[in-house]
């Protein structure tokens, strides 16, 4: 706890004070810590890379290159506690919505004017969640994006970013369910809770990371702990979203909880297993526009990557952020006891 409360990292300290220790927002230590987010620590380093006080790395697209463009920075900043009250954040949000908001609902991977300017499930889920957390939950564009997401939920309760996808996928499901979790924290509107329960049930029937066909692990990468998660998935991310929705005492979470406890180090911390590397080069492949490249799924497992690896902590070392998330999951499940 003392490690998480160190004052040099206000994002971890703030969530430890408020979410773990349950101190009120009027507590003086909470107020002073919140005021330091964006001024020192992880969030400040991200904001220091912002160009012209508006964008990161690419003024024309908020999605490429991965993971150094605007959208990826905003998702992490939202997690860390940055808000619309911060002018650099507000300007970046305006920039993203100006270039990527689809008027009929949803967020596009590609900017306006592109022939494939159309809403995308993972991009929309990520941005709805981030924007709601930063204070834009009542923005008509965010509400319209949420409505579009709900219209794309599949019969099995999941979502799939593939146009022909008929079965939900872990990486496509987690973003909309996370968005629903945050939107419901602000205003539980009709239809949202039902959709969230269906999405959560998709994860639960797969026991957070297993196939519903043969009980095997769907991807070995799901067993590693990552941050930032970007558009990807791991078992802690699944547990985080499920428990934020208030789900507990469901035996289908037991395997994932056991794995979480197994990964705890002897001193009570959790290590950062990997960071997604992102693009090696800012330019598109083969002279053509692209929003996906093979190397973006490669992991940095030790040390630090280049500037396109959005990274707040050193890979292979104890992680304050993952330790915080792990403890919050255990707390929501009623498993965080004195001395744990």
Protein backbone atom coordinates (compact mmCIF):
# COMPACT_ATOMS: atom_id res chain seq x y z
CA UNK A 1 0.00 0.00 0.00
CA UNK A 2 2.84 2.41 0.79
CA UNK A 3 4.28 1.73 -2.65
CA UNK A 4 0.99 2.59 -4.37
CA UNK A 5 0.63 5.73 -2.27
CA UNK A 6 3.99 7.21 -3.26
CA UNK A 7 3.44 10.82 -4.28
CA UNK A 8 5.52 10.75 -7.45
CA UNK A 9 2.73 8.90 -9.28
CA UNK A 10 -0.58 10.69 -8.57
CA UNK A 11 -2.72 8.47 -10.82
CA UNK A 12 -1.90 5.32 -8.83
CA UNK A 13 -2.07 7.25 -5.55
CA UNK A 14 -5.48 8.78 -6.38
CA UNK A 15 -7.14 5.45 -7.24
CA UNK A 16 -5.56 3.84 -4.19
CA UNK A 17 -6.95 6.54 -1.92
CA UNK A 18 -10.42 6.61 -3.47
CA UNK A 19 -11.04 3.05 -4.67
CA UNK A 20 -8.97 0.95 -2.27
CA UNK A 21 -9.08 3.05 0.90
CA UNK A 22 -12.50 4.55 0.06
CA UNK A 23 -11.59 8.08 0.99
CA UNK A 24 -14.10 10.70 -0.10
CA UNK A 25 -13.55 13.16 -2.94
CA UNK A 26 -13.51 15.99 -0.37
CA UNK A 27 -10.58 14.45 1.50
CA UNK A 28 -7.69 16.90 1.29
CA UNK A 29 -5.18 14.24 0.26
CA UNK A 30 -7.53 13.14 -2.54
CA UNK A 31 -7.98 16.72 -3.77
CA UNK A 32 -4.26 17.49 -3.77
CA UNK A 33 -3.45 14.20 -5.51
CA UNK A 34 -6.09 14.73 -8.19
CA UNK A 35 -4.72 18.19 -8.88
CA UNK A 36 -1.28 16.71 -9.60
CA UNK A 37 -2.52 14.30 -12.30
CA UNK A 38 -1.22 15.66 -15.58
CA UNK A 39 1.39 17.78 -13.85
CA UNK A 40 3.72 15.03 -12.66
CA UNK A 41 3.93 11.31 -13.31
CA UNK A 42 2.61 9.14 -16.15
CA UNK A 43 -0.10 11.46 -17.45
CA UNK A 44 2.25 14.44 -17.53
CA UNK A 45 4.73 12.51 -19.66
CA UNK A 46 2.01 11.66 -22.17
CA UNK A 47 0.81 15.26 -22.31
CA UNK A 48 4.39 16.49 -22.75
CA UNK A 49 4.51 14.62 -26.08
CA UNK A 50 1.37 16.32 -27.36
CA UNK A 51 2.02 18.51 -30.42
CA UNK A 52 0.61 22.03 -30.72
CA UNK A 53 -1.49 21.23 -27.65
CA UNK A 54 -3.82 19.18 -29.87
CA UNK A 55 -2.58 15.85 -31.27
CA UNK A 56 0.10 13.17 -31.03
CA UNK A 57 2.37 12.05 -33.86
CA UNK A 58 -0.09 12.49 -36.74
CA UNK A 59 -2.27 15.58 -37.32
CA UNK A 60 -4.46 13.85 -39.90
CA UNK A 61 -5.31 10.56 -38.17
CA UNK A 62 -5.97 9.74 -34.53
CA UNK A 63 -5.43 5.99 -35.09
CA UNK A 64 -2.24 5.62 -37.08
CA UNK A 65 0.52 5.09 -36.38
CA UNK A 66 -0.24 2.63 -33.61
CA UNK A 67 0.17 3.22 -30.70
CA UNK A 68 1.45 6.76 -30.77
CA UNK A 69 -1.49 8.61 -32.37
CA UNK A 70 -4.13 10.58 -30.51
CA UNK A 71 -6.82 7.98 -29.73
CA UNK A 72 -4.42 5.60 -27.96
CA UNK A 73 -3.08 8.42 -25.78
CA UNK A 74 -6.61 9.52 -24.81
CA UNK A 75 -7.66 6.03 -23.73
CA UNK A 76 -4.70 5.82 -21.34
CA UNK A 77 -5.13 9.40 -20.12
CA UNK A 78 -8.76 8.62 -19.26
CA UNK A 79 -7.66 5.59 -17.26
CA UNK A 80 -5.08 7.67 -15.41
CA UNK A 81 -7.63 10.28 -14.35
CA UNK A 82 -7.21 13.11 -16.87
CA UNK A 83 -10.43 15.00 -17.60
CA UNK A 84 -12.14 17.49 -19.88
CA UNK A 85 -11.24 20.20 -17.37
CA UNK A 86 -7.67 19.98 -18.69
CA UNK A 87 -7.44 22.14 -21.82
CA UNK A 88 -4.94 19.86 -23.63
CA UNK A 89 -7.34 16.94 -23.13
CA UNK A 90 -10.36 18.91 -24.29
CA UNK A 91 -8.55 20.06 -27.42
CA UNK A 92 -7.43 16.51 -28.22
CA UNK A 93 -11.00 15.23 -27.81
CA UNK A 94 -12.32 17.94 -30.14
CA UNK A 95 -9.63 16.95 -32.64
CA UNK A 96 -10.59 13.27 -32.47
CA UNK A 97 -14.32 13.87 -32.83
CA UNK A 98 -13.80 16.33 -35.66
CA UNK A 99 -11.83 13.76 -37.64
CA UNK A 100 -13.37 10.40 -36.63
CA UNK A 101 -16.93 10.86 -35.36
CA UNK A 102 -19.54 9.39 -37.72
CA UNK A 103 -22.68 11.53 -37.58
CA UNK A 104 -24.99 8.52 -37.80
CA UNK A 105 -23.23 6.97 -34.80
CA UNK A 106 -19.87 5.49 -33.92
CA UNK A 107 -16.18 6.22 -34.33
CA UNK A 108 -14.24 5.44 -37.50
CA UNK A 109 -10.71 4.08 -37.69
CA UNK A 110 -10.14 6.32 -40.68
CA UNK A 111 -10.59 10.10 -40.82
CA UNK A 112 -13.40 11.96 -42.58
CA UNK A 113 -12.96 12.03 -46.33
CA UNK A 114 -11.57 8.50 -46.50
CA UNK A 115 -13.53 6.07 -48.69
CA UNK A 116 -13.82 3.72 -45.70
CA UNK A 117 -15.07 6.34 -43.24
CA UNK A 118 -17.39 4.08 -41.25
CA UNK A 119 -17.87 3.20 -37.57
CA UNK A 120 -15.78 0.44 -36.03
CA UNK A 121 -16.77 -1.58 -32.97
CA UNK A 122 -13.50 -1.68 -31.03
CA UNK A 123 -12.64 1.94 -31.82
CA UNK A 124 -16.12 3.06 -30.77
CA UNK A 125 -16.11 1.01 -27.56
CA UNK A 126 -12.69 2.31 -26.57
CA UNK A 127 -13.56 5.93 -27.22
CA UNK A 128 -17.02 5.86 -25.63
CA UNK A 129 -15.50 4.47 -22.46
CA UNK A 130 -12.62 6.95 -22.46
CA UNK A 131 -14.77 9.97 -23.28
CA UNK A 132 -17.37 9.08 -20.65
CA UNK A 133 -14.67 8.70 -18.03
CA UNK A 134 -13.20 12.10 -18.95
CA UNK A 135 -16.53 13.91 -18.60
CA UNK A 136 -18.26 13.59 -21.97
CA UNK A 137 -20.92 11.00 -21.05
CA UNK A 138 -23.77 13.38 -21.94
CA UNK A 139 -22.25 14.55 -25.23
CA UNK A 140 -24.70 13.75 -28.03
CA UNK A 141 -21.91 12.26 -30.14
CA UNK A 142 -20.97 9.86 -27.34
CA UNK A 143 -24.60 8.88 -26.75
CA UNK A 144 -25.10 8.31 -30.48
CA UNK A 145 -21.96 6.14 -30.56
CA UNK A 146 -23.29 4.11 -27.63
CA UNK A 147 -26.59 3.55 -29.43
CA UNK A 148 -24.72 2.39 -32.53
CA UNK A 149 -22.70 -0.09 -30.46
CA UNK A 150 -25.84 -1.59 -28.98
CA UNK A 151 -27.28 -2.06 -32.46
CA UNK A 152 -24.27 -4.25 -33.38
CA UNK A 153 -24.53 -6.74 -30.51
CA UNK A 154 -24.77 -10.30 -31.81
CA UNK A 155 -27.19 -13.05 -30.84
CA UNK A 156 -24.58 -14.70 -28.58
CA UNK A 157 -24.25 -11.48 -26.56
CA UNK A 158 -20.90 -10.57 -28.06
CA UNK A 159 -19.58 -8.28 -30.77
CA UNK A 160 -17.25 -8.96 -33.69
CA UNK A 161 -15.20 -6.37 -35.58
CA UNK A 162 -15.08 -8.60 -38.65
CA UNK A 163 -17.85 -7.62 -41.10
CA UNK A 164 -18.77 -11.26 -41.57
CA UNK A 165 -18.37 -12.24 -37.91
CA UNK A 166 -21.33 -14.19 -36.53
CA UNK A 167 -19.75 -15.18 -33.21
CA UNK A 168 -18.43 -12.74 -30.63
CA UNK A 169 -14.70 -12.40 -30.09
CA UNK A 170 -12.96 -11.54 -26.81
CA UNK A 171 -11.22 -8.47 -28.21
CA UNK A 172 -14.40 -7.15 -29.82
CA UNK A 173 -16.59 -7.84 -26.76
CA UNK A 174 -14.47 -6.26 -24.06
CA UNK A 175 -14.49 -2.73 -25.51
CA UNK A 176 -18.30 -2.31 -25.75
CA UNK A 177 -18.85 -3.93 -22.34
CA UNK A 178 -16.24 -1.62 -20.81
CA UNK A 179 -17.97 1.34 -22.49
CA UNK A 180 -21.31 0.22 -21.06
CA UNK A 181 -19.78 -0.09 -17.60
CA UNK A 182 -18.57 3.50 -17.65
CA UNK A 183 -21.71 4.94 -19.24
CA UNK A 184 -23.91 3.15 -16.69
CA UNK A 185 -21.82 4.65 -13.89
CA UNK A 186 -23.07 8.04 -15.09
CA UNK A 187 -26.63 7.22 -16.18
CA UNK A 188 -28.11 3.71 -16.37
CA UNK A 189 -30.41 4.22 -19.34
CA UNK A 190 -32.97 1.77 -20.61
CA UNK A 191 -31.37 -1.03 -22.59
CA UNK A 192 -27.84 -0.48 -21.37
CA UNK A 193 -28.05 -2.87 -18.42
CA UNK A 194 -29.58 -5.65 -20.52
CA UNK A 195 -26.86 -5.26 -23.15
CA UNK A 196 -24.13 -5.21 -20.50
CA UNK A 197 -25.46 -8.41 -18.91
CA UNK A 198 -25.51 -10.16 -22.28
CA UNK A 199 -21.93 -9.05 -23.00
CA UNK A 200 -20.76 -10.09 -19.54
CA UNK A 201 -22.42 -13.46 -19.99
CA UNK A 202 -20.38 -13.99 -23.16
CA UNK A 203 -17.17 -13.59 -21.12
CA UNK A 204 -18.46 -15.71 -18.26
CA UNK A 205 -19.56 -18.64 -20.40
CA UNK A 206 -16.00 -18.62 -21.74
CA UNK A 207 -14.67 -18.54 -18.16
CA UNK A 208 -12.92 -15.23 -18.93
CA UNK A 209 -10.28 -16.70 -21.26
CA UNK A 210 -11.28 -20.20 -22.36
CA UNK A 211 -12.94 -21.67 -25.43
CA UNK A 212 -16.54 -22.77 -24.95
CA UNK A 213 -15.88 -25.66 -27.31
CA UNK A 214 -13.05 -27.57 -25.62
CA UNK A 215 -12.12 -25.57 -22.49
CA UNK A 216 -8.68 -24.68 -23.88
CA UNK A 217 -7.08 -21.25 -23.51
CA UNK A 218 -8.17 -19.24 -26.55
CA UNK A 219 -4.86 -17.37 -26.90
CA UNK A 220 -1.82 -17.79 -24.69
CA UNK A 221 -1.47 -14.00 -24.79
CA UNK A 222 -4.67 -13.85 -22.70
CA UNK A 223 -2.67 -15.29 -19.79
CA UNK A 224 -0.13 -12.44 -19.74
CA UNK A 225 -0.64 -9.12 -17.98
CA UNK A 226 -0.39 -6.06 -20.22
CA UNK A 227 -0.80 -2.32 -19.97
CA UNK A 228 -1.85 -0.40 -21.96
CA UNK A 229 -4.27 -2.97 -23.34
CA UNK A 230 -5.19 -0.91 -26.48
CA UNK A 231 -7.67 -3.03 -28.49
CA UNK A 232 -6.38 -6.34 -27.09
CA UNK A 233 -7.39 -8.55 -24.17
CA UNK A 234 -6.07 -10.47 -21.18
CA UNK A 235 -7.67 -12.22 -18.23
CA UNK A 236 -7.10 -9.34 -15.78
CA UNK A 237 -8.75 -6.93 -18.21
CA UNK A 238 -11.73 -9.31 -18.35
CA UNK A 239 -11.89 -9.55 -14.55
CA UNK A 240 -11.59 -5.78 -14.21
CA UNK A 241 -14.55 -5.08 -16.50
CA UNK A 242 -16.72 -7.85 -15.05
CA UNK A 243 -16.15 -6.74 -11.47
CA UNK A 244 -16.68 -3.08 -12.38
CA UNK A 245 -20.12 -4.21 -13.55
CA UNK A 246 -20.71 -5.62 -10.06
CA UNK A 247 -20.36 -9.30 -10.96
CA UNK A 248 -19.00 -11.53 -8.20
CA UNK A 249 -19.48 -14.97 -6.70
CA UNK A 250 -19.79 -16.47 -10.16
CA UNK A 251 -17.83 -19.76 -10.21
CA UNK A 252 -17.00 -19.22 -13.88
CA UNK A 253 -14.53 -16.54 -12.75
CA UNK A 254 -12.67 -18.92 -10.43
CA UNK A 255 -9.99 -20.01 -12.92
CA UNK A 256 -9.12 -16.41 -13.73
CA UNK A 257 -9.03 -15.40 -10.06
CA UNK A 258 -6.78 -18.35 -9.24
CA UNK A 259 -4.46 -17.33 -12.07
CA UNK A 260 -4.41 -13.76 -10.76
CA UNK A 261 -3.37 -14.95 -7.30
CA UNK A 262 -0.78 -17.28 -8.81
CA UNK A 263 0.82 -14.33 -10.60
CA UNK A 264 1.25 -12.33 -7.41
CA UNK A 265 4.92 -12.04 -6.46
CA UNK A 266 6.15 -12.86 -2.91
CA UNK A 267 6.17 -9.16 -1.98
CA UNK A 268 2.50 -8.78 -2.97
CA UNK A 269 2.98 -7.07 -6.33
CA UNK A 270 2.17 -8.01 -9.91
CA UNK A 271 4.65 -7.73 -12.79
CA UNK A 272 4.06 -6.16 -16.18
CA UNK A 273 4.40 -9.17 -18.50
CA UNK A 274 4.37 -7.22 -21.72
CA UNK A 275 3.74 -3.98 -23.61
CA UNK A 276 2.46 -3.98 -27.19
CA UNK A 277 5.23 -2.57 -29.34
CA UNK A 278 3.23 -0.70 -31.96
CA UNK A 279 4.43 0.24 -35.42
CA UNK A 280 8.13 0.30 -36.15
CA UNK A 281 7.65 3.10 -38.69
CA UNK A 282 5.07 5.87 -38.97
CA UNK A 283 4.56 5.42 -42.71
CA UNK A 284 2.09 2.99 -44.22
CA UNK A 285 3.14 -0.38 -45.60
CA UNK A 286 3.89 -0.75 -49.32
CA UNK A 287 2.88 2.83 -50.01
CA UNK A 288 -0.77 2.22 -49.08
CA UNK A 289 -2.89 3.37 -46.17
CA UNK A 290 -3.31 0.74 -43.49
CA UNK A 291 -4.66 0.56 -39.95
CA UNK A 292 -3.16 -2.80 -39.08
CA UNK A 293 0.38 -4.14 -39.15
CA UNK A 294 1.80 -7.43 -37.83
CA UNK A 295 4.33 -5.89 -35.45
CA UNK A 296 1.69 -4.03 -33.42
CA UNK A 297 0.83 -7.32 -31.70
CA UNK A 298 4.45 -8.05 -30.78
CA UNK A 299 5.36 -7.69 -27.11
CA UNK A 300 8.10 -5.90 -25.27
CA UNK A 301 8.68 -8.26 -22.36
CA UNK A 302 11.75 -6.62 -20.87
CA UNK A 303 12.66 -2.95 -20.64
CA UNK A 304 11.46 -0.10 -22.80
CA UNK A 305 10.40 0.22 -26.42
CA UNK A 306 10.51 3.10 -28.88
CA UNK A 307 8.26 6.15 -28.79
CA UNK A 308 5.47 4.23 -30.57
CA UNK A 309 5.25 1.73 -27.75
CA UNK A 310 2.91 3.67 -25.46
CA UNK A 311 4.45 2.64 -22.18
CA UNK A 312 4.15 4.02 -18.66
CA UNK A 313 6.15 1.33 -16.81
CA UNK A 314 9.08 -0.94 -17.53
CA UNK A 315 8.19 -4.36 -18.92
CA UNK A 316 9.22 -7.34 -16.83
CA UNK A 317 9.20 -5.31 -13.59
CA UNK A 318 6.64 -4.82 -10.80
CA UNK A 319 3.81 -2.63 -12.05
CA UNK A 320 2.00 -0.14 -9.84
CA UNK A 321 -0.89 0.07 -12.30
CA UNK A 322 -1.41 -3.68 -12.64
CA UNK A 323 -0.98 -4.19 -8.90
CA UNK A 324 -3.65 -1.56 -8.31
CA UNK A 325 -6.04 -3.21 -10.79
CA UNK A 326 -5.41 -6.67 -9.33
CA UNK A 327 -6.12 -5.44 -5.79
CA UNK A 328 -9.27 -3.66 -6.95
CA UNK A 329 -10.54 -6.85 -8.57
CA UNK A 330 -9.90 -8.80 -5.36
CA UNK A 331 -11.57 -6.06 -3.32
CA UNK A 332 -14.71 -6.09 -5.48
CA UNK A 333 -14.81 -9.88 -5.13
CA UNK A 334 -14.54 -9.66 -1.35
CA UNK A 335 -11.15 -11.37 -1.38
CA UNK A 336 -8.98 -8.47 -0.25
CA UNK A 337 -8.41 -9.00 3.45
CA UNK A 338 -5.92 -7.53 5.86
CA UNK A 339 -2.42 -8.74 5.10
CA UNK A 340 -3.32 -10.25 1.71
